[in-house]
């Protein structure tokens, strides 16, 4: 009598391995873009925080000097990770936000509107926020009016997701 011995297979077949790779690729294709959008949203706080901080300092200057652009108005600010002093003139020229993702500028009113300003934070070209199409720029005025622009522009009356 002859007995046959049965062998058992161990390991994975190529088909099983390819199915596992396809599942991982599918999950990565969904997770990575969602993660990138989440990171873009969290980096927006760099712009909003910087604008509100500068606006507060400008209001302090207005209280002390009765002008937003008084030469004596200087305040501390961290620009691109480096602490330093900021003046109105430096804001006109533009400074970087704390994390360096945005360029911060100020536009002053002229004539009767000389005691007004509009702060703007613009995503730096080639920076980490350059691909954020929902919130390209942030604005904040002397009366606290907040705004933003997107690319392509949002429809009139659409909600502003940036602030």
N, C-alpha and C. Protein backbone atom coordinates (compact mmCIF):
# COMPACT_ATOMS: atom_id res chain seq x y z
N UNK A 1 0.79 -1.17 0.00
CA UNK A 1 0.00 0.00 0.00
C UNK A 1 0.85 1.25 0.00
N UNK A 2 0.39 2.07 -0.85
CA UNK A 2 1.11 3.30 -0.96
C UNK A 2 0.32 4.44 -0.33
N UNK A 3 0.99 5.24 0.45
CA UNK A 3 0.31 6.41 1.04
C UNK A 3 0.86 7.67 0.36
N UNK A 4 -0.04 8.55 0.14
CA UNK A 4 0.40 9.83 -0.45
C UNK A 4 0.47 10.88 0.65
N UNK A 5 1.47 11.58 0.54
CA UNK A 5 1.68 12.62 1.54
C UNK A 5 1.25 13.96 0.93
N UNK A 6 0.42 14.67 1.65
CA UNK A 6 -0.09 15.95 1.15
C UNK A 6 0.77 17.08 1.72
N UNK A 7 1.15 17.99 0.84
CA UNK A 7 1.96 19.13 1.29
C UNK A 7 1.04 20.32 1.53
N UNK A 8 1.41 21.12 2.50
CA UNK A 8 0.62 22.32 2.79
C UNK A 8 1.40 23.54 2.29
N UNK A 9 0.64 24.48 1.79
CA UNK A 9 1.24 25.68 1.23
C UNK A 9 1.32 26.75 2.32
N UNK A 10 2.43 27.44 2.38
CA UNK A 10 2.58 28.55 3.31
C UNK A 10 2.93 29.79 2.51
N UNK A 11 2.52 30.96 3.03
CA UNK A 11 2.82 32.21 2.36
C UNK A 11 1.62 32.74 1.59
N UNK A 12 1.90 33.76 0.76
CA UNK A 12 0.85 34.43 -0.01
C UNK A 12 1.04 34.16 -1.48
N UNK A 13 -0.05 34.15 -2.19
CA UNK A 13 0.05 34.04 -3.64
C UNK A 13 0.21 35.45 -4.20
N UNK A 14 0.60 35.53 -5.43
CA UNK A 14 0.80 36.82 -6.07
C UNK A 14 -0.53 37.58 -6.16
N UNK A 15 -1.60 36.89 -6.40
CA UNK A 15 -2.92 37.52 -6.50
C UNK A 15 -3.31 38.14 -5.15
N UNK A 16 -3.10 37.42 -4.08
CA UNK A 16 -3.43 37.95 -2.76
C UNK A 16 -2.60 39.19 -2.45
N UNK A 17 -1.34 39.16 -2.80
CA UNK A 17 -0.47 40.30 -2.58
C UNK A 17 -0.92 41.51 -3.41
N UNK A 18 -1.30 41.30 -4.65
CA UNK A 18 -1.76 42.40 -5.51
C UNK A 18 -3.07 43.00 -5.00
N UNK A 19 -3.95 42.19 -4.46
CA UNK A 19 -5.20 42.69 -3.88
C UNK A 19 -4.90 43.56 -2.67
N UNK A 20 -3.98 43.13 -1.83
CA UNK A 20 -3.62 43.92 -0.66
C UNK A 20 -2.99 45.26 -1.08
N UNK A 21 -2.13 45.26 -2.08
CA UNK A 21 -1.51 46.49 -2.57
C UNK A 21 -2.57 47.42 -3.15
N UNK A 22 -3.53 46.89 -3.87
CA UNK A 22 -4.60 47.71 -4.45
C UNK A 22 -5.44 48.36 -3.36
N UNK A 23 -5.73 47.63 -2.30
CA UNK A 23 -6.52 48.19 -1.19
C UNK A 23 -5.75 49.32 -0.51
N UNK A 24 -4.46 49.13 -0.26
CA UNK A 24 -3.64 50.17 0.36
C UNK A 24 -3.56 51.40 -0.54
N UNK A 25 -3.41 51.20 -1.85
CA UNK A 25 -3.34 52.33 -2.79
C UNK A 25 -4.66 53.09 -2.82
N UNK A 26 -5.77 52.40 -2.76
CA UNK A 26 -7.08 53.05 -2.74
C UNK A 26 -7.25 53.89 -1.48
N UNK A 27 -6.88 53.33 -0.35
CA UNK A 27 -6.98 54.08 0.91
C UNK A 27 -6.06 55.31 0.89
N UNK A 28 -4.86 55.16 0.34
CA UNK A 28 -3.94 56.30 0.27
C UNK A 28 -4.47 57.38 -0.68
N UNK A 29 -5.09 56.97 -1.77
CA UNK A 29 -5.64 57.94 -2.73
C UNK A 29 -6.75 58.77 -2.11
N UNK A 30 -7.44 58.23 -1.14
CA UNK A 30 -8.50 58.97 -0.45
C UNK A 30 -7.92 59.77 0.71
N UNK A 31 -7.02 59.20 1.46
CA UNK A 31 -6.52 59.84 2.69
C UNK A 31 -5.57 61.00 2.44
N UNK A 32 -4.68 60.90 1.48
CA UNK A 32 -3.66 61.94 1.27
C UNK A 32 -4.29 63.28 0.87
N UNK A 33 -5.19 63.35 -0.12
CA UNK A 33 -5.80 64.65 -0.43
C UNK A 33 -6.60 65.24 0.73
N UNK A 34 -7.30 64.39 1.48
CA UNK A 34 -8.03 64.89 2.64
C UNK A 34 -7.08 65.45 3.69
N UNK A 35 -5.98 64.79 3.90
CA UNK A 35 -4.98 65.28 4.85
C UNK A 35 -4.41 66.62 4.39
N UNK A 36 -4.10 66.74 3.09
CA UNK A 36 -3.55 67.98 2.57
C UNK A 36 -4.54 69.14 2.73
N UNK A 37 -5.84 68.90 2.50
CA UNK A 37 -6.84 69.95 2.70
C UNK A 37 -6.92 70.35 4.17
N UNK A 38 -6.82 69.39 5.05
CA UNK A 38 -6.83 69.68 6.49
C UNK A 38 -5.63 70.54 6.88
N UNK A 39 -4.47 70.22 6.36
CA UNK A 39 -3.26 70.99 6.66
C UNK A 39 -3.40 72.42 6.12
N UNK A 40 -3.96 72.57 4.91
CA UNK A 40 -4.19 73.91 4.36
C UNK A 40 -5.09 74.73 5.29
N UNK A 41 -6.15 74.11 5.77
CA UNK A 41 -7.08 74.83 6.66
C UNK A 41 -6.39 75.25 7.95
N UNK A 42 -5.56 74.39 8.50
CA UNK A 42 -4.90 74.76 9.76
C UNK A 42 -3.85 75.84 9.55
N UNK A 43 -3.21 75.87 8.38
CA UNK A 43 -2.21 76.91 8.11
C UNK A 43 -2.85 78.28 7.91
N UNK A 44 -4.14 78.31 7.59
CA UNK A 44 -4.83 79.60 7.44
C UNK A 44 -4.82 80.40 8.72
N UNK A 45 -4.70 79.73 9.85
CA UNK A 45 -4.66 80.45 11.12
C UNK A 45 -3.44 81.35 11.22
N UNK A 46 -2.39 81.03 10.46
CA UNK A 46 -1.21 81.89 10.42
C UNK A 46 -1.60 83.28 9.92
N UNK A 47 -2.44 83.34 8.90
CA UNK A 47 -2.88 84.63 8.35
C UNK A 47 -3.86 85.33 9.28
N UNK A 48 -4.87 84.62 9.74
CA UNK A 48 -5.90 85.28 10.56
C UNK A 48 -5.34 85.75 11.89
N UNK A 49 -4.46 84.96 12.49
CA UNK A 49 -3.84 85.37 13.76
C UNK A 49 -2.97 86.60 13.56
N UNK A 50 -2.17 86.60 12.50
CA UNK A 50 -1.29 87.74 12.24
C UNK A 50 -2.09 89.01 12.00
N UNK A 51 -3.15 88.92 11.21
CA UNK A 51 -3.95 90.12 10.92
C UNK A 51 -4.61 90.67 12.18
N UNK A 52 -5.19 89.79 12.99
CA UNK A 52 -5.85 90.29 14.21
C UNK A 52 -4.83 90.83 15.21
N UNK A 53 -3.67 90.23 15.29
CA UNK A 53 -2.63 90.72 16.20
C UNK A 53 -2.14 92.10 15.77
N UNK A 54 -1.89 92.27 14.48
CA UNK A 54 -1.43 93.57 13.98
C UNK A 54 -2.53 94.62 14.13
N UNK A 55 -3.77 94.25 13.86
CA UNK A 55 -4.89 95.19 14.01
C UNK A 55 -4.98 95.67 15.46
N UNK A 56 -4.82 94.77 16.40
CA UNK A 56 -4.84 95.16 17.81
C UNK A 56 -3.73 96.14 18.15
N UNK A 57 -2.54 95.89 17.61
CA UNK A 57 -1.42 96.79 17.86
C UNK A 57 -1.64 98.16 17.19
N UNK A 58 -2.23 98.16 16.01
CA UNK A 58 -2.53 99.43 15.34
C UNK A 58 -3.58 100.23 16.11
N UNK A 59 -4.54 99.54 16.70
CA UNK A 59 -5.55 100.24 17.51
C UNK A 59 -4.90 100.84 18.76
N UNK A 60 -3.93 100.13 19.32
CA UNK A 60 -3.19 100.67 20.46
C UNK A 60 -2.43 101.93 20.03
N UNK A 61 -1.83 101.88 18.85
CA UNK A 61 -1.12 103.06 18.33
C UNK A 61 -2.08 104.22 18.13
N UNK A 62 -3.25 103.92 17.62
CA UNK A 62 -4.23 104.99 17.40
C UNK A 62 -4.66 105.62 18.73
N UNK A 63 -4.79 104.79 19.76
CA UNK A 63 -5.14 105.30 21.08
C UNK A 63 -4.05 106.21 21.63
N UNK A 64 -2.79 105.84 21.43
CA UNK A 64 -1.67 106.63 21.95
C UNK A 64 -1.37 107.87 21.13
N UNK A 65 -1.38 107.73 19.80
CA UNK A 65 -0.89 108.80 18.93
C UNK A 65 -1.98 109.45 18.07
N UNK A 66 -3.20 108.98 18.17
CA UNK A 66 -4.33 109.46 17.35
C UNK A 66 -4.07 109.29 15.86
N UNK A 67 -3.25 108.32 15.52
CA UNK A 67 -2.97 108.00 14.12
C UNK A 67 -2.44 106.57 14.03
N UNK A 68 -2.81 105.89 12.97
CA UNK A 68 -2.30 104.54 12.77
C UNK A 68 -0.86 104.55 12.28
N UNK A 69 -0.47 105.60 11.57
CA UNK A 69 0.84 105.64 10.92
C UNK A 69 1.85 106.54 11.61
N UNK A 70 1.68 106.82 12.89
CA UNK A 70 2.61 107.67 13.62
C UNK A 70 4.00 106.99 13.66
N UNK A 71 5.07 107.76 13.41
CA UNK A 71 6.42 107.17 13.43
C UNK A 71 6.80 106.56 14.78
N UNK A 72 6.19 107.02 15.86
CA UNK A 72 6.52 106.48 17.17
C UNK A 72 5.85 105.15 17.47
N UNK A 73 4.99 104.73 16.59
CA UNK A 73 4.26 103.47 16.79
C UNK A 73 5.10 102.29 16.31
N UNK A 74 5.64 101.57 17.26
CA UNK A 74 6.45 100.38 16.99
C UNK A 74 5.98 99.27 17.91
N UNK A 75 5.89 98.07 17.39
CA UNK A 75 5.47 96.95 18.22
C UNK A 75 6.21 95.67 17.81
N UNK A 76 6.33 94.76 18.75
CA UNK A 76 7.01 93.50 18.50
C UNK A 76 6.14 92.54 17.71
N UNK A 77 6.78 91.80 16.82
CA UNK A 77 6.06 90.82 16.00
C UNK A 77 7.06 89.78 15.52
N UNK A 78 6.62 88.54 15.44
CA UNK A 78 7.48 87.46 14.94
C UNK A 78 7.18 87.29 13.46
N UNK A 79 8.18 87.52 12.62
CA UNK A 79 8.03 87.42 11.18
C UNK A 79 8.92 86.29 10.67
N UNK A 80 8.29 85.29 10.08
CA UNK A 80 9.00 84.12 9.54
C UNK A 80 9.90 83.47 10.59
N UNK A 81 9.38 83.42 11.82
CA UNK A 81 10.08 82.78 12.92
C UNK A 81 11.11 83.64 13.62
N UNK A 82 11.30 84.89 13.16
CA UNK A 82 12.31 85.77 13.74
C UNK A 82 11.62 86.94 14.44
N UNK A 83 11.82 87.10 15.76
CA UNK A 83 11.21 88.24 16.45
C UNK A 83 11.86 89.55 16.03
N UNK A 84 11.04 90.59 15.97
CA UNK A 84 11.57 91.90 15.61
C UNK A 84 10.52 92.97 15.85
N UNK A 85 10.86 94.20 15.55
CA UNK A 85 9.94 95.32 15.69
C UNK A 85 9.32 95.66 14.35
N UNK A 86 8.06 96.04 14.39
CA UNK A 86 7.33 96.39 13.17
C UNK A 86 6.87 97.83 13.28
N UNK A 87 6.99 98.56 12.20
CA UNK A 87 6.47 99.91 12.09
C UNK A 87 5.47 99.94 10.94
N UNK A 88 4.73 101.02 10.87
CA UNK A 88 3.76 101.18 9.80
C UNK A 88 4.45 101.14 8.43
N UNK A 89 5.62 101.74 8.34
CA UNK A 89 6.36 101.78 7.08
C UNK A 89 6.75 100.37 6.65
N UNK A 90 7.16 99.52 7.60
CA UNK A 90 7.50 98.14 7.27
C UNK A 90 6.27 97.38 6.77
N UNK A 91 5.10 97.68 7.34
CA UNK A 91 3.87 97.02 6.89
C UNK A 91 3.50 97.43 5.47
N UNK A 92 3.75 98.69 5.13
CA UNK A 92 3.47 99.14 3.76
C UNK A 92 4.34 98.36 2.79
N UNK A 93 5.61 98.16 3.13
CA UNK A 93 6.53 97.41 2.29
C UNK A 93 6.18 95.92 2.30
N UNK A 94 5.66 95.43 3.42
CA UNK A 94 5.28 94.02 3.54
C UNK A 94 6.23 93.24 4.42
N UNK A 95 5.66 92.42 5.28
CA UNK A 95 6.44 91.51 6.13
C UNK A 95 5.83 90.13 6.01
N UNK A 96 6.58 89.13 6.41
CA UNK A 96 6.06 87.76 6.39
C UNK A 96 5.33 87.44 7.69
N UNK A 97 4.38 86.53 7.60
CA UNK A 97 3.66 86.09 8.79
C UNK A 97 4.60 85.26 9.67
N UNK A 98 4.11 84.88 10.84
CA UNK A 98 4.96 84.18 11.80
C UNK A 98 5.52 82.88 11.23
N UNK A 99 4.69 82.11 10.57
CA UNK A 99 5.14 80.84 9.99
C UNK A 99 5.75 81.03 8.60
N UNK A 100 5.61 82.22 8.04
CA UNK A 100 6.18 82.50 6.72
C UNK A 100 5.31 82.05 5.56
N UNK A 101 4.06 81.69 5.81
CA UNK A 101 3.18 81.23 4.74
C UNK A 101 2.52 82.37 3.98
N UNK A 102 2.43 83.54 4.59
CA UNK A 102 1.71 84.67 4.01
C UNK A 102 2.57 85.93 4.04
N UNK A 103 2.29 86.83 3.10
CA UNK A 103 2.90 88.16 3.06
C UNK A 103 1.86 89.14 3.57
N UNK A 104 2.22 89.92 4.59
CA UNK A 104 1.30 90.85 5.23
C UNK A 104 1.61 92.27 4.78
N UNK A 105 0.58 93.00 4.33
CA UNK A 105 0.75 94.39 3.92
C UNK A 105 -0.41 95.21 4.47
N UNK A 106 -0.21 96.54 4.43
CA UNK A 106 -1.25 97.45 4.88
C UNK A 106 -1.46 98.51 3.80
N UNK A 107 -2.71 98.84 3.58
CA UNK A 107 -3.05 99.93 2.66
C UNK A 107 -3.79 100.98 3.47
N UNK A 108 -3.29 102.21 3.43
CA UNK A 108 -3.90 103.29 4.20
C UNK A 108 -4.89 104.05 3.34
N UNK A 109 -5.89 104.60 4.00
CA UNK A 109 -6.83 105.46 3.31
C UNK A 109 -6.17 106.80 3.01
N UNK A 110 -6.68 107.50 2.02
CA UNK A 110 -6.12 108.81 1.65
C UNK A 110 -7.18 109.88 1.84
N UNK A 111 -6.74 111.12 1.96
CA UNK A 111 -7.66 112.25 2.11
C UNK A 111 -8.43 112.17 3.41
N UNK A 112 -9.76 112.26 3.32
CA UNK A 112 -10.60 112.20 4.52
C UNK A 112 -10.55 110.83 5.19
N UNK A 113 -10.17 109.82 4.42
CA UNK A 113 -10.10 108.46 4.96
C UNK A 113 -8.70 108.12 5.46
N UNK A 114 -7.89 109.15 5.76
CA UNK A 114 -6.50 108.91 6.17
C UNK A 114 -6.42 108.12 7.47
N UNK A 115 -7.45 108.14 8.26
CA UNK A 115 -7.42 107.40 9.53
C UNK A 115 -8.05 106.02 9.37
N UNK A 116 -7.85 105.41 8.22
CA UNK A 116 -8.36 104.06 7.97
C UNK A 116 -7.20 103.18 7.48
N UNK A 117 -7.42 101.89 7.48
CA UNK A 117 -6.45 100.97 6.91
C UNK A 117 -7.14 99.68 6.50
N UNK A 118 -6.46 98.94 5.66
CA UNK A 118 -6.89 97.58 5.32
C UNK A 118 -5.64 96.71 5.32
N UNK A 119 -5.64 95.75 6.20
CA UNK A 119 -4.55 94.77 6.27
C UNK A 119 -4.86 93.64 5.30
N UNK A 120 -3.83 93.14 4.65
CA UNK A 120 -4.01 92.04 3.70
C UNK A 120 -2.94 90.98 3.95
N UNK A 121 -3.35 89.73 3.95
CA UNK A 121 -2.43 88.60 4.01
C UNK A 121 -2.60 87.81 2.72
N UNK A 122 -1.52 87.69 1.96
CA UNK A 122 -1.55 87.01 0.68
C UNK A 122 -0.65 85.78 0.75
N UNK A 123 -1.17 84.65 0.29
CA UNK A 123 -0.36 83.42 0.27
C UNK A 123 0.86 83.65 -0.61
N UNK A 124 2.03 83.29 -0.09
CA UNK A 124 3.27 83.51 -0.82
C UNK A 124 3.38 82.53 -1.98
N UNK A 125 3.76 83.05 -3.15
CA UNK A 125 3.97 82.20 -4.32
C UNK A 125 5.09 81.21 -4.04
N UNK A 126 4.85 79.98 -4.35
CA UNK A 126 5.84 78.94 -4.10
C UNK A 126 5.87 78.47 -2.66
N UNK A 127 5.05 79.08 -1.79
CA UNK A 127 5.00 78.68 -0.39
C UNK A 127 4.04 77.53 -0.16
N UNK A 128 3.94 77.13 1.08
CA UNK A 128 3.11 75.98 1.41
C UNK A 128 1.61 76.23 1.21
N UNK A 129 1.19 77.50 1.17
CA UNK A 129 -0.22 77.82 0.99
C UNK A 129 -0.54 78.27 -0.43
N UNK A 130 0.40 78.23 -1.32
CA UNK A 130 0.19 78.70 -2.69
C UNK A 130 -0.90 77.90 -3.41
N UNK A 131 -1.10 76.65 -3.04
CA UNK A 131 -2.11 75.81 -3.69
C UNK A 131 -3.48 75.90 -3.03
N UNK A 132 -3.61 76.70 -1.99
CA UNK A 132 -4.89 76.86 -1.30
C UNK A 132 -5.78 77.78 -2.14
N UNK A 133 -6.64 77.19 -2.96
CA UNK A 133 -7.48 77.97 -3.87
C UNK A 133 -8.68 78.59 -3.18
N UNK A 134 -9.08 78.08 -2.03
CA UNK A 134 -10.25 78.60 -1.33
C UNK A 134 -9.97 79.92 -0.64
N UNK A 135 -8.75 80.13 -0.20
CA UNK A 135 -8.40 81.34 0.56
C UNK A 135 -7.05 81.87 0.12
N UNK A 136 -7.03 82.58 -1.01
CA UNK A 136 -5.78 83.14 -1.52
C UNK A 136 -5.34 84.35 -0.70
N UNK A 137 -6.28 85.22 -0.36
CA UNK A 137 -5.95 86.40 0.42
C UNK A 137 -6.96 86.59 1.54
N UNK A 138 -6.51 87.21 2.62
CA UNK A 138 -7.36 87.58 3.75
C UNK A 138 -7.26 89.08 3.91
N UNK A 139 -8.37 89.73 4.28
CA UNK A 139 -8.33 91.16 4.55
C UNK A 139 -9.00 91.46 5.88
N UNK A 140 -8.56 92.54 6.51
CA UNK A 140 -9.14 93.02 7.77
C UNK A 140 -9.02 94.53 7.77
N UNK A 141 -10.13 95.22 7.99
CA UNK A 141 -10.13 96.68 7.96
C UNK A 141 -10.10 97.25 9.37
N UNK A 142 -9.99 98.58 9.45
CA UNK A 142 -9.93 99.28 10.74
C UNK A 142 -11.23 99.15 11.52
N UNK A 143 -12.33 98.80 10.87
CA UNK A 143 -13.60 98.63 11.58
C UNK A 143 -13.89 97.15 11.86
N UNK A 144 -12.93 96.29 11.57
CA UNK A 144 -13.08 94.87 11.87
C UNK A 144 -13.76 94.06 10.79
N UNK A 145 -13.95 94.63 9.60
CA UNK A 145 -14.58 93.91 8.50
C UNK A 145 -13.59 92.89 7.94
N UNK A 146 -13.99 91.63 7.95
CA UNK A 146 -13.12 90.54 7.50
C UNK A 146 -13.56 90.09 6.12
N UNK A 147 -12.60 89.73 5.29
CA UNK A 147 -12.90 89.24 3.96
C UNK A 147 -11.81 88.32 3.46
N UNK A 148 -12.08 87.69 2.33
CA UNK A 148 -11.09 86.82 1.71
C UNK A 148 -11.44 86.67 0.23
N UNK A 149 -10.46 86.25 -0.54
CA UNK A 149 -10.68 85.97 -1.95
C UNK A 149 -10.26 84.54 -2.25
N UNK A 150 -10.85 84.00 -3.29
CA UNK A 150 -10.52 82.63 -3.69
C UNK A 150 -10.24 82.62 -5.19
N UNK A 151 -9.73 81.52 -5.67
CA UNK A 151 -9.44 81.35 -7.08
C UNK A 151 -10.00 80.01 -7.52
N UNK A 152 -11.06 79.93 -8.26
CA UNK A 152 -11.87 81.01 -8.85
C UNK A 152 -12.71 81.72 -7.80
N UNK A 153 -13.15 82.95 -8.12
CA UNK A 153 -13.93 83.73 -7.14
C UNK A 153 -15.22 83.01 -6.72
N UNK A 154 -15.58 83.21 -5.46
CA UNK A 154 -16.83 82.65 -4.95
C UNK A 154 -18.01 83.44 -5.51
N UNK A 155 -19.15 82.79 -5.58
CA UNK A 155 -20.37 83.46 -6.03
C UNK A 155 -20.78 84.52 -5.01
N UNK A 156 -21.43 85.56 -5.48
CA UNK A 156 -21.89 86.63 -4.61
C UNK A 156 -22.83 86.06 -3.56
N UNK A 157 -22.59 86.41 -2.31
CA UNK A 157 -23.44 85.95 -1.21
C UNK A 157 -23.04 84.60 -0.67
N UNK A 158 -22.02 83.97 -1.24
CA UNK A 158 -21.56 82.65 -0.76
C UNK A 158 -20.85 82.82 0.59
N UNK A 159 -20.92 81.79 1.40
CA UNK A 159 -20.25 81.82 2.70
C UNK A 159 -18.75 81.92 2.53
N UNK A 160 -18.10 82.61 3.47
CA UNK A 160 -16.66 82.76 3.47
C UNK A 160 -16.07 81.70 4.41
N UNK A 161 -15.45 80.65 3.87
CA UNK A 161 -14.93 79.58 4.72
C UNK A 161 -13.60 79.91 5.38
N UNK A 162 -13.02 81.06 5.07
CA UNK A 162 -11.66 81.35 5.50
C UNK A 162 -11.58 81.87 6.92
N UNK A 163 -12.49 82.71 7.33
CA UNK A 163 -12.44 83.27 8.67
C UNK A 163 -13.28 82.38 9.54
